[in-house]
Amino acid sequence: MSKIIRLDLSDDEQIEKIGKAISDKVRRKIIKMSTEGSYSVMEIAERLNMPVSTVSFHLKILKEAGFIQILPNPTKRGNEKIISQYISLVRMDFRLFHEQKTNLKTLEIPLGSYSDFRVDPPCALADSTGLLIGWDKPEAFYSTKRFNAQLLSFTKGYVEYKVPVFELEGNRLVGFALSLELCSECPMYNNDWKSDITFWLNDVELCTYHSMGDYGDRPGKNTPSFWPANASQYGMLKKIRVGENGTYLDETKVSDVTISDCNLSGILIKFRIGIKDDAKYAGGVNIFGQAFGDTDQNIIIELAYVK
């Protein structure tokens, strides 16, 4: 399905990629072909009477700019690549920056303030004084004590947060960012324990972070002394950001999902963190608050909006 992207003069990197892509006559021909249907690399090379290597060079530039998508198509002769249109319309906003001033709202979200959850053991909730209820009891996640949680963990499932942001009423959300410290989850700890941790915004999947371990080889900088030495101690600080040009993990683009794809309206923001049932590495997740791990923060969200 083709997409529409919107740019303004602050989107330097994307504008340069688009400008480079359409500056060449061959690439413009390929863009035109993509509006007519899908083609293999070989078919494009034949129609343009060019070597496959030359066509591949142009396709790489077009893909980086977002004009096309390249999908594998296994055949009896091997893995064929199919090229199709991705961006169908580019809109440029040349209005002055002061007319589109971006406002930023930052909120700190307590770990235990989730509004919905489904968790499989091993799982745990802990605050700054000790373990809540006990080990491996999903029922503990219903406890009213959860609002003080500074560490939560589970093997499969999710936690979901709903946050009202009244400043968004009547305004347009142009960016969302989520920052948190996390790692995989296994019995005790294992620095080489992989897990695919997925993030959703308003039920739209943004991206998956491939965690490399459940870290416990040293005490976390903020982890309380009562916490078992053979349990999870710290994680990695990660930031997921979705804007008008895609989704980024630690400033690396990982998805073409944009803020408009998330269909956000009103003042309620809903985001989810979890392990999918069919994840390749269903290695659980630990989420650390400011009283555990290495980073002195809870979950942080940043909302960029224009009036």
C-alpha atoms as a PDB file:
ATOM      1  CA  MET A   1       0.000   0.000   0.000  1.00  0.00           C
ATOM      2  CA  SER A   2       1.500   3.336  -1.079  1.00  0.00           C
ATOM      3  CA  LYS A   3       1.898   6.197   1.361  1.00  0.00           C
ATOM      4  CA  ILE A   4       1.791   9.971   1.490  1.00  0.00           C
ATOM      5  CA  ILE A   5       4.605  11.766   3.308  1.00  0.00           C
ATOM      6  CA  ARG A   6       4.618  15.349   4.515  1.00  0.00           C
ATOM      7  CA  LEU A   7       7.810  17.366   4.836  1.00  0.00           C
ATOM      8  CA  ASP A   8       8.818  20.837   5.911  1.00  0.00           C
ATOM      9  CA  LEU A   9      12.108  22.689   5.640  1.00  0.00           C
ATOM     10  CA  SER A  10      13.379  21.139   8.867  1.00  0.00           C
ATOM     11  CA  ASP A  11      13.449  17.647   7.335  1.00  0.00           C
ATOM     12  CA  ASP A  12      16.906  18.117   5.814  1.00  0.00           C
ATOM     13  CA  GLU A  13      17.989  14.471   5.604  1.00  0.00           C
ATOM     14  CA  GLN A  14      14.797  13.216   3.972  1.00  0.00           C
ATOM     15  CA  ILE A  15      14.637  16.159   1.535  1.00  0.00           C
ATOM     16  CA  GLU A  16      18.232  15.484   0.438  1.00  0.00           C
ATOM     17  CA  LYS A  17      17.461  11.804  -0.155  1.00  0.00           C
ATOM     18  CA  ILE A  18      14.353  12.639  -2.185  1.00  0.00           C
ATOM     19  CA  GLY A  19      16.211  15.298  -4.153  1.00  0.00           C
ATOM     20  CA  LYS A  20      19.011  12.879  -4.983  1.00  0.00           C
ATOM     21  CA  ALA A  21      16.508  10.192  -5.993  1.00  0.00           C
ATOM     22  CA  ILE A  22      14.577  12.319  -8.496  1.00  0.00           C
ATOM     23  CA  SER A  23      17.612  14.154  -9.896  1.00  0.00           C
ATOM     24  CA  ASP A  24      18.468  11.298 -12.259  1.00  0.00           C
ATOM     25  CA  LYS A  25      16.450  10.497 -15.397  1.00  0.00           C
ATOM     26  CA  VAL A  26      16.860   6.725 -14.980  1.00  0.00           C
ATOM     27  CA  ARG A  27      15.503   6.837 -11.436  1.00  0.00           C
ATOM     28  CA  ARG A  28      12.545   8.918 -12.564  1.00  0.00           C
ATOM     29  CA  LYS A  29      11.780   6.231 -15.170  1.00  0.00           C
ATOM     30  CA  ILE A  30      11.875   3.562 -12.457  1.00  0.00           C
ATOM     31  CA  ILE A  31       9.526   5.645 -10.276  1.00  0.00           C
ATOM     32  CA  LYS A  32       7.145   5.910 -13.234  1.00  0.00           C
ATOM     33  CA  MET A  33       7.328   2.151 -13.755  1.00  0.00           C
ATOM     34  CA  SER A  34       6.502   1.567 -10.082  1.00  0.00           C
ATOM     35  CA  THR A  35       3.258   3.525 -10.526  1.00  0.00           C
ATOM     36  CA  GLU A  36       2.225   1.054 -13.219  1.00  0.00           C
ATOM     37  CA  GLY A  37       2.849  -2.172 -11.297  1.00  0.00           C
ATOM     38  CA  SER A  38       5.435  -4.404  -9.633  1.00  0.00           C
ATOM     39  CA  TYR A  39       8.554  -5.639 -11.422  1.00  0.00           C
ATOM     40  CA  SER A  40      11.533  -7.838 -10.708  1.00  0.00           C
ATOM     41  CA  VAL A  41      15.025  -6.383 -10.921  1.00  0.00           C
ATOM     42  CA  MET A  42      15.604  -8.383 -14.082  1.00  0.00           C
ATOM     43  CA  GLU A  43      12.417  -7.033 -15.703  1.00  0.00           C
ATOM     44  CA  ILE A  44      13.409  -3.449 -14.946  1.00  0.00           C
ATOM     45  CA  ALA A  45      16.893  -4.074 -16.371  1.00  0.00           C
ATOM     46  CA  GLU A  46      15.399  -5.503 -19.570  1.00  0.00           C
ATOM     47  CA  ARG A  47      12.943  -2.633 -20.030  1.00  0.00           C
ATOM     48  CA  LEU A  48      15.652  -0.024 -19.495  1.00  0.00           C
ATOM     49  CA  ASN A  49      18.250  -2.016 -21.446  1.00  0.00           C
ATOM     50  CA  MET A  50      20.732  -1.754 -18.592  1.00  0.00           C
ATOM     51  CA  PRO A  51      22.924  -4.164 -16.617  1.00  0.00           C
ATOM     52  CA  VAL A  52      21.354  -5.529 -13.445  1.00  0.00           C
ATOM     53  CA  SER A  53      24.207  -4.015 -11.412  1.00  0.00           C
ATOM     54  CA  THR A  54      23.386  -0.518 -12.693  1.00  0.00           C
ATOM     55  CA  VAL A  55      19.684  -0.972 -11.963  1.00  0.00           C
ATOM     56  CA  SER A  56      20.500  -2.231  -8.461  1.00  0.00           C
ATOM     57  CA  PHE A  57      22.531   0.933  -7.819  1.00  0.00           C
ATOM     58  CA  HIS A  58      19.554   3.131  -8.728  1.00  0.00           C
ATOM     59  CA  LEU A  59      17.125   0.983  -6.743  1.00  0.00           C
ATOM     60  CA  LYS A  60      19.220   1.385  -3.602  1.00  0.00           C
ATOM     61  CA  ILE A  61      18.953   5.190  -3.834  1.00  0.00           C
ATOM     62  CA  LEU A  62      15.200   5.043  -4.500  1.00  0.00           C
ATOM     63  CA  LYS A  63      14.664   2.728  -1.527  1.00  0.00           C
ATOM     64  CA  GLU A  64      16.654   4.997   0.802  1.00  0.00           C
ATOM     65  CA  ALA A  65      14.422   7.893  -0.260  1.00  0.00           C
ATOM     66  CA  GLY A  66      11.339   5.770   0.338  1.00  0.00           C
ATOM     67  CA  PHE A  67       9.968   5.797  -3.204  1.00  0.00           C
ATOM     68  CA  ILE A  68       9.978   2.020  -3.561  1.00  0.00           C
ATOM     69  CA  GLN A  69       9.918  -1.115  -1.485  1.00  0.00           C
ATOM     70  CA  ILE A  70      11.899  -4.236  -2.352  1.00  0.00           C
ATOM     71  CA  LEU A  71      10.373  -7.537  -1.271  1.00  0.00           C
ATOM     72  CA  PRO A  72      11.755 -11.077  -1.612  1.00  0.00           C
ATOM     73  CA  ASN A  73       9.825 -13.417  -3.896  1.00  0.00           C
ATOM     74  CA  PRO A  74      11.128 -17.011  -3.616  1.00  0.00           C
ATOM     75  CA  THR A  75      10.907 -18.930  -6.890  1.00  0.00           C
ATOM     76  CA  LYS A  76      12.180 -22.246  -8.214  1.00  0.00           C
ATOM     77  CA  ARG A  77      15.188 -20.395  -9.613  1.00  0.00           C
ATOM     78  CA  GLY A  78      16.067 -18.759  -6.292  1.00  0.00           C
ATOM     79  CA  ASN A  79      15.152 -15.616  -4.371  1.00  0.00           C
ATOM     80  CA  GLU A  80      13.827 -13.000  -6.766  1.00  0.00           C
ATOM     81  CA  LYS A  81      13.324  -9.405  -5.629  1.00  0.00           C
ATOM     82  CA  ILE A  82      10.115  -7.558  -6.494  1.00  0.00           C
ATOM     83  CA  ILE A  83      10.035  -3.752  -6.690  1.00  0.00           C
ATOM     84  CA  SER A  84       6.841  -1.808  -6.082  1.00  0.00           C
ATOM     85  CA  GLN A  85       5.758   1.727  -5.273  1.00  0.00           C
ATOM     86  CA  TYR A  86       5.902   2.843  -1.639  1.00  0.00           C
ATOM     87  CA  ILE A  87       5.504   6.630  -1.622  1.00  0.00           C
ATOM     88  CA  SER A  88       2.772   7.887  -3.933  1.00  0.00           C
ATOM     89  CA  LEU A  89       2.742  11.558  -2.904  1.00  0.00           C
ATOM     90  CA  VAL A  90       5.244  13.951  -1.309  1.00  0.00           C
ATOM     91  CA  ARG A  91       3.881  17.154   0.200  1.00  0.00           C
ATOM     92  CA  MET A  92       6.223  20.007   1.084  1.00  0.00           C
ATOM     93  CA  ASP A  93       5.259  22.715   3.569  1.00  0.00           C
ATOM     94  CA  PHE A  94       7.186  25.930   2.854  1.00  0.00           C
ATOM     95  CA  ARG A  95       5.530  28.013   5.552  1.00  0.00           C
ATOM     96  CA  LEU A  96       7.745  29.886   7.988  1.00  0.00           C
ATOM     97  CA  PHE A  97       8.935  27.938  10.979  1.00  0.00           C
ATOM     98  CA  HIS A  98       7.219  30.236  13.489  1.00  0.00           C
ATOM     99  CA  GLU A  99       3.888  29.227  11.977  1.00  0.00           C
ATOM    100  CA  GLN A 100       4.678  25.578  12.737  1.00  0.00           C
ATOM    101  CA  LYS A 101       6.390  25.919  16.099  1.00  0.00           C
ATOM    102  CA  THR A 102       6.714  22.513  17.727  1.00  0.00           C
ATOM    103  CA  ASN A 103       5.794  22.256  21.392  1.00  0.00           C
ATOM    104  CA  LEU A 104       7.235  19.498  23.585  1.00  0.00           C
ATOM    105  CA  LYS A 105       5.526  17.868  26.548  1.00  0.00           C
ATOM    106  CA  THR A 106       7.520  15.462  28.736  1.00  0.00           C
ATOM    107  CA  LEU A 107       5.832  13.053  31.150  1.00  0.00           C
ATOM    108  CA  GLU A 108       7.280  10.571  33.638  1.00  0.00           C
ATOM    109  CA  ILE A 109       5.195   7.395  33.830  1.00  0.00           C
ATOM    110  CA  PRO A 110       5.385   5.182  36.954  1.00  0.00           C
ATOM    111  CA  LEU A 111       6.065   1.550  36.007  1.00  0.00           C
ATOM    112  CA  GLY A 112       3.048   0.274  37.915  1.00  0.00           C
ATOM    113  CA  SER A 113       0.515   2.685  36.411  1.00  0.00           C
ATOM    114  CA  TYR A 114      -0.350   0.316  33.558  1.00  0.00           C
ATOM    115  CA  SER A 115      -4.057   0.101  32.691  1.00  0.00           C
ATOM    116  CA  ASP A 116      -4.012  -3.404  31.210  1.00  0.00           C
ATOM    117  CA  PHE A 117      -1.709  -6.405  31.228  1.00  0.00           C
ATOM    118  CA  ARG A 118      -1.288 -10.072  30.390  1.00  0.00           C
ATOM    119  CA  VAL A 119       1.814 -11.697  31.826  1.00  0.00           C
ATOM    120  CA  ASP A 120       3.223 -15.219  31.952  1.00  0.00           C
ATOM    121  CA  PRO A 121       5.684 -16.360  34.650  1.00  0.00           C
ATOM    122  CA  PRO A 122       8.477 -16.154  35.481  1.00  0.00           C
ATOM    123  CA  CYS A 123       7.278 -12.705  36.510  1.00  0.00           C
ATOM    124  CA  ALA A 124       7.755 -10.266  39.353  1.00  0.00           C
ATOM    125  CA  LEU A 125       6.903  -6.851  40.742  1.00  0.00           C
ATOM    126  CA  ALA A 126       9.179  -5.098  43.216  1.00  0.00           C
ATOM    127  CA  ASP A 127       9.299  -1.673  44.835  1.00  0.00           C
ATOM    128  CA  SER A 128      12.157   0.059  46.636  1.00  0.00           C
ATOM    129  CA  THR A 129      11.562  -1.996  49.793  1.00  0.00           C
ATOM    130  CA  GLY A 130      11.103  -5.499  48.437  1.00  0.00           C
ATOM    131  CA  LEU A 131       9.228  -7.955  46.300  1.00  0.00           C
ATOM    132  CA  LEU A 132       5.480  -7.386  45.981  1.00  0.00           C
ATOM    133  CA  ILE A 133       3.379 -10.475  46.868  1.00  0.00           C
ATOM    134  CA  GLY A 134       5.965 -13.036  45.706  1.00  0.00           C
ATOM    135  CA  TRP A 135       7.858 -14.540  42.779  1.00  0.00           C
ATOM    136  CA  ASP A 136       6.042 -15.797  39.680  1.00  0.00           C
ATOM    137  CA  LYS A 137       2.535 -14.687  40.679  1.00  0.00           C
ATOM    138  CA  PRO A 138       0.735 -12.976  37.757  1.00  0.00           C
ATOM    139  CA  GLU A 139      -2.045 -12.067  40.237  1.00  0.00           C
ATOM    140  CA  ALA A 140       0.388  -9.638  41.876  1.00  0.00           C
ATOM    141  CA  PHE A 141       0.021  -7.377  38.855  1.00  0.00           C
ATOM    142  CA  TYR A 142      -3.531  -6.570  40.065  1.00  0.00           C
ATOM    143  CA  SER A 143      -2.299  -5.382  43.455  1.00  0.00           C
ATOM    144  CA  THR A 144      -2.909  -1.757  44.425  1.00  0.00           C
ATOM    145  CA  LYS A 145       0.730  -1.757  45.578  1.00  0.00           C
ATOM    146  CA  ARG A 146       1.754  -1.940  41.899  1.00  0.00           C
ATOM    147  CA  PHE A 147       1.718   1.858  41.645  1.00  0.00           C
ATOM    148  CA  ASN A 148       4.921   1.904  43.713  1.00  0.00           C
ATOM    149  CA  ALA A 149       6.661  -0.682  41.509  1.00  0.00           C
ATOM    150  CA  GLN A 150      10.258   0.022  40.537  1.00  0.00           C
ATOM    151  CA  LEU A 151      10.867  -3.234  38.675  1.00  0.00           C
ATOM    152  CA  LEU A 152       8.511  -5.408  36.683  1.00  0.00           C
ATOM    153  CA  SER A 153       9.259  -8.506  34.661  1.00  0.00           C
ATOM    154  CA  PHE A 154       7.464 -11.222  32.717  1.00  0.00           C
ATOM    155  CA  THR A 155       8.211 -13.903  30.125  1.00  0.00           C
ATOM    156  CA  LYS A 156       5.363 -13.411  27.639  1.00  0.00           C
ATOM    157  CA  GLY A 157       2.475 -10.986  27.357  1.00  0.00           C
ATOM    158  CA  TYR A 158       2.418  -7.209  27.739  1.00  0.00           C
ATOM    159  CA  VAL A 159       1.813  -4.179  29.907  1.00  0.00           C
ATOM    160  CA  GLU A 160      -0.237  -1.319  28.449  1.00  0.00           C
ATOM    161  CA  TYR A 161      -0.398   2.290  29.576  1.00  0.00           C
ATOM    162  CA  LYS A 162      -3.056   4.922  28.907  1.00  0.00           C
ATOM    163  CA  VAL A 163      -2.006   8.497  29.548  1.00  0.00           C
ATOM    164  CA  PRO A 164      -4.309  11.544  29.274  1.00  0.00           C
ATOM    165  CA  VAL A 165      -2.515  14.594  27.878  1.00  0.00           C
ATOM    166  CA  PHE A 166      -4.859  17.560  28.011  1.00  0.00           C
ATOM    167  CA  GLU A 167      -2.418  19.836  26.186  1.00  0.00           C
ATOM    168  CA  LEU A 168      -3.155  17.839  23.012  1.00  0.00           C
ATOM    169  CA  GLU A 169      -6.803  18.858  22.909  1.00  0.00           C
ATOM    170  CA  GLY A 170      -7.330  20.783  19.675  1.00  0.00           C
ATOM    171  CA  ASN A 171      -3.667  20.392  18.671  1.00  0.00           C
ATOM    172  CA  ARG A 172      -1.883  18.078  16.219  1.00  0.00           C
ATOM    173  CA  LEU A 173       0.523  15.434  17.505  1.00  0.00           C
ATOM    174  CA  VAL A 174       3.617  15.244  15.274  1.00  0.00           C
ATOM    175  CA  GLY A 175       5.912  13.075  17.369  1.00  0.00           C
ATOM    176  CA  PHE A 176       5.986  10.534  20.180  1.00  0.00           C
ATOM    177  CA  ALA A 177       9.058   9.218  22.028  1.00  0.00           C
ATOM    178  CA  LEU A 178       9.393   6.554  24.695  1.00  0.00           C
ATOM    179  CA  SER A 179      12.504   6.149  26.854  1.00  0.00           C
ATOM    180  CA  LEU A 180      13.088   3.342  29.352  1.00  0.00           C
ATOM    181  CA  GLU A 181      15.695   0.961  30.761  1.00  0.00           C
ATOM    182  CA  LEU A 182      15.052  -2.701  29.994  1.00  0.00           C
ATOM    183  CA  CYS A 183      16.560  -6.119  29.289  1.00  0.00           C
ATOM    184  CA  SER A 184      15.533  -9.740  28.764  1.00  0.00           C
ATOM    185  CA  GLU A 185      14.089 -11.908  31.554  1.00  0.00           C
ATOM    186  CA  CYS A 186      15.063 -15.433  32.564  1.00  0.00           C
ATOM    187  CA  PRO A 187      15.296 -17.364  35.859  1.00  0.00           C
ATOM    188  CA  MET A 188      18.026 -15.629  37.864  1.00  0.00           C
ATOM    189  CA  TYR A 189      20.096 -13.957  35.087  1.00  0.00           C
ATOM    190  CA  ASN A 190      21.949 -14.745  31.888  1.00  0.00           C
ATOM    191  CA  ASN A 191      23.935 -12.103  29.997  1.00  0.00           C
ATOM    192  CA  ASP A 192      23.464 -14.102  26.809  1.00  0.00           C
ATOM    193  CA  TRP A 193      19.657 -14.476  26.840  1.00  0.00           C
ATOM    194  CA  LYS A 194      18.026 -12.987  23.738  1.00  0.00           C
ATOM    195  CA  SER A 195      14.554 -11.507  23.632  1.00  0.00           C
ATOM    196  CA  ASP A 196      12.432  -9.692  21.038  1.00  0.00           C
ATOM    197  CA  ILE A 197      10.667  -6.844  22.869  1.00  0.00           C
ATOM    198  CA  THR A 198       7.960  -5.138  20.826  1.00  0.00           C
ATOM    199  CA  PHE A 199       6.413  -1.679  21.170  1.00  0.00           C
ATOM    200  CA  TRP A 200       2.951  -0.536  20.085  1.00  0.00           C
ATOM    201  CA  LEU A 201       1.341   2.914  19.944  1.00  0.00           C
ATOM    202  CA  ASN A 202      -2.452   3.027  19.823  1.00  0.00           C
ATOM    203  CA  ASP A 203      -2.499  -0.682  18.815  1.00  0.00           C
ATOM    204  CA  VAL A 204      -0.115  -0.039  15.892  1.00  0.00           C
ATOM    205  CA  GLU A 205       3.138  -2.007  16.031  1.00  0.00           C
ATOM    206  CA  LEU A 206       6.110   0.374  15.916  1.00  0.00           C
ATOM    207  CA  CYS A 207       9.199  -1.821  16.168  1.00  0.00           C
ATOM    208  CA  THR A 208      10.944  -4.641  18.011  1.00  0.00           C
ATOM    209  CA  TYR A 209      14.093  -4.255  20.093  1.00  0.00           C
ATOM    210  CA  HIS A 210      16.372  -7.297  20.049  1.00  0.00           C
ATOM    211  CA  SER A 211      17.669  -7.517  23.619  1.00  0.00           C
ATOM    212  CA  MET A 212      20.882  -9.502  23.964  1.00  0.00           C
ATOM    213  CA  GLY A 213      20.712 -10.495  27.619  1.00  0.00           C
ATOM    214  CA  ASP A 214      19.252 -10.472  31.123  1.00  0.00           C
ATOM    215  CA  TYR A 215      22.065  -8.613  32.826  1.00  0.00           C
ATOM    216  CA  GLY A 216      23.217  -9.562  36.310  1.00  0.00           C
ATOM    217  CA  ASP A 217      26.996  -9.831  36.187  1.00  0.00           C
ATOM    218  CA  ARG A 218      27.309  -6.794  38.471  1.00  0.00           C
ATOM    219  CA  PRO A 219      24.985  -4.813  40.752  1.00  0.00           C
ATOM    220  CA  GLY A 220      22.863  -2.160  39.087  1.00  0.00           C
ATOM    221  CA  LYS A 221      23.943   1.354  40.066  1.00  0.00           C
ATOM    222  CA  ASN A 222      20.548   2.022  41.671  1.00  0.00           C
ATOM    223  CA  THR A 223      19.488  -1.538  42.498  1.00  0.00           C
ATOM    224  CA  PRO A 224      18.736  -1.880  46.261  1.00  0.00           C
ATOM    225  CA  SER A 225      21.059  -3.971  48.412  1.00  0.00           C
ATOM    226  CA  PHE A 226      18.237  -6.350  49.404  1.00  0.00           C
ATOM    227  CA  TRP A 227      17.837  -7.515  45.801  1.00  0.00           C
ATOM    228  CA  PRO A 228      19.320 -11.008  45.206  1.00  0.00           C
ATOM    229  CA  ALA A 229      22.788 -10.902  43.650  1.00  0.00           C
ATOM    230  CA  ASN A 230      21.830 -13.686  41.226  1.00  0.00           C
ATOM    231  CA  ALA A 231      18.774 -11.804  39.869  1.00  0.00           C
ATOM    232  CA  SER A 232      18.422  -9.222  37.090  1.00  0.00           C
ATOM    233  CA  GLN A 233      20.432  -6.114  38.014  1.00  0.00           C
ATOM    234  CA  TYR A 234      20.368  -3.611  35.162  1.00  0.00           C
ATOM    235  CA  GLY A 235      19.301  -3.061  31.561  1.00  0.00           C
ATOM    236  CA  MET A 236      19.976  -0.883  28.552  1.00  0.00           C
ATOM    237  CA  LEU A 237      18.470   2.590  28.142  1.00  0.00           C
ATOM    238  CA  LYS A 238      16.476   2.609  24.902  1.00  0.00           C
ATOM    239  CA  LYS A 239      14.533   5.317  23.103  1.00  0.00           C
ATOM    240  CA  ILE A 240      11.804   4.654  20.553  1.00  0.00           C
ATOM    241  CA  ARG A 241      10.667   7.658  18.545  1.00  0.00           C
ATOM    242  CA  VAL A 242       7.920   7.876  15.919  1.00  0.00           C
ATOM    243  CA  GLY A 243       7.396  11.006  13.833  1.00  0.00           C
ATOM    244  CA  GLU A 244       6.130  12.095  10.470  1.00  0.00           C
ATOM    245  CA  ASN A 245       8.881  10.231   8.578  1.00  0.00           C
ATOM    246  CA  GLY A 246       9.052   6.895  10.360  1.00  0.00           C
ATOM    247  CA  THR A 247      10.018   5.103  13.559  1.00  0.00           C
ATOM    248  CA  TYR A 248      13.500   5.219  15.090  1.00  0.00           C
ATOM    249  CA  LEU A 249      15.252   3.104  17.717  1.00  0.00           C
ATOM    250  CA  ASP A 250      18.129   5.023  19.299  1.00  0.00           C
ATOM    251  CA  GLU A 251      18.070   7.388  16.257  1.00  0.00           C
ATOM    252  CA  THR A 252      18.349   4.513  13.760  1.00  0.00           C
ATOM    253  CA  LYS A 253      15.342   4.216  11.474  1.00  0.00           C
ATOM    254  CA  VAL A 254      13.780   0.803  11.956  1.00  0.00           C
ATOM    255  CA  SER A 255      10.287   1.180  10.516  1.00  0.00           C
ATOM    256  CA  ASP A 256       8.271   3.253   8.051  1.00  0.00           C
ATOM    257  CA  VAL A 257       5.401   3.567  10.524  1.00  0.00           C
ATOM    258  CA  THR A 258       4.630   7.282  10.978  1.00  0.00           C
ATOM    259  CA  ILE A 259       2.733   9.184  13.646  1.00  0.00           C
ATOM    260  CA  SER A 260      -0.207   9.585  11.264  1.00  0.00           C
ATOM    261  CA  ASP A 261      -0.380   5.789  10.845  1.00  0.00           C
ATOM    262  CA  CYS A 262      -1.168   5.514  14.561  1.00  0.00           C
ATOM    263  CA  ASN A 263      -4.510   7.327  14.163  1.00  0.00           C
ATOM    264  CA  LEU A 264      -4.103   9.303  17.372  1.00  0.00           C
ATOM    265  CA  SER A 265      -6.913  11.714  18.194  1.00  0.00           C
ATOM    266  CA  GLY A 266      -8.202  13.241  21.377  1.00  0.00           C
ATOM    267  CA  ILE A 267      -6.182  13.509  24.556  1.00  0.00           C
ATOM    268  CA  LEU A 268      -5.531   9.843  25.382  1.00  0.00           C
ATOM    269  CA  ILE A 269      -2.181   8.243  24.502  1.00  0.00           C
ATOM    270  CA  LYS A 270      -2.013   4.440  24.646  1.00  0.00           C
ATOM    271  CA  PHE A 271       1.245   2.494  24.379  1.00  0.00           C
ATOM    272  CA  ARG A 272       2.160  -1.140  24.984  1.00  0.00           C
ATOM    273  CA  ILE A 273       5.378  -3.039  25.720  1.00  0.00           C
ATOM    274  CA  GLY A 274       5.416  -6.788  25.314  1.00  0.00           C
ATOM    275  CA  ILE A 275       6.646 -10.116  24.006  1.00  0.00           C
ATOM    276  CA  LYS A 276       4.631 -11.565  21.129  1.00  0.00           C
ATOM    277  CA  ASP A 277       3.519 -15.186  21.433  1.00  0.00           C
ATOM    278  CA  ASP A 278       5.231 -15.992  18.132  1.00  0.00           C
ATOM    279  CA  ALA A 279       8.411 -14.022  18.823  1.00  0.00           C
ATOM    280  CA  LYS A 280      11.566 -15.680  17.498  1.00  0.00           C
ATOM    281  CA  TYR A 281      13.244 -14.981  20.828  1.00  0.00           C
ATOM    282  CA  ALA A 282      10.528 -15.030  23.504  1.00  0.00           C
ATOM    283  CA  GLY A 283      13.018 -14.220  26.233  1.00  0.00           C
ATOM    284  CA  GLY A 284      10.878 -11.987  28.415  1.00  0.00           C
ATOM    285  CA  VAL A 285      11.450  -8.442  29.604  1.00  0.00           C
ATOM    286  CA  ASN A 286      12.589  -6.564  32.711  1.00  0.00           C
ATOM    287  CA  ILE A 287      11.597  -2.902  32.947  1.00  0.00           C
ATOM    288  CA  PHE A 288      13.530  -0.839  35.494  1.00  0.00           C
ATOM    289  CA  GLY A 289      12.331   2.217  37.418  1.00  0.00           C
ATOM    290  CA  GLN A 290      14.481   4.889  39.004  1.00  0.00           C
ATOM    291  CA  ALA A 291      15.161   2.791  42.130  1.00  0.00           C
ATOM    292  CA  PHE A 292      16.532  -0.176  40.124  1.00  0.00           C
ATOM    293  CA  GLY A 293      19.036  -0.633  37.317  1.00  0.00           C
ATOM    294  CA  ASP A 294      21.554   1.924  36.098  1.00  0.00           C
ATOM    295  CA  THR A 295      19.382   4.859  35.039  1.00  0.00           C
ATOM    296  CA  ASP A 296      17.721   7.253  37.452  1.00  0.00           C
ATOM    297  CA  GLN A 297      14.374   7.425  35.635  1.00  0.00           C
ATOM    298  CA  ASN A 298      11.016   5.759  35.250  1.00  0.00           C
ATOM    299  CA  ILE A 299       9.348   5.436  31.842  1.00  0.00           C
ATOM    300  CA  ILE A 300       9.618   8.783  30.043  1.00  0.00           C
ATOM    301  CA  ILE A 301       7.398   9.827  27.152  1.00  0.00           C
ATOM    302  CA  GLU A 302       7.834  12.950  25.023  1.00  0.00           C
ATOM    303  CA  LEU A 303       5.019  14.372  22.919  1.00  0.00           C
ATOM    304  CA  ALA A 304       5.693  16.851  20.137  1.00  0.00           C
ATOM    305  CA  TYR A 305       2.682  18.821  18.913  1.00  0.00           C
ATOM    306  CA  VAL A 306       1.792  21.924  16.922  1.00  0.00           C
ATOM    307  CA  LYS A 307      -1.112  24.258  17.600  1.00  0.00           C
END
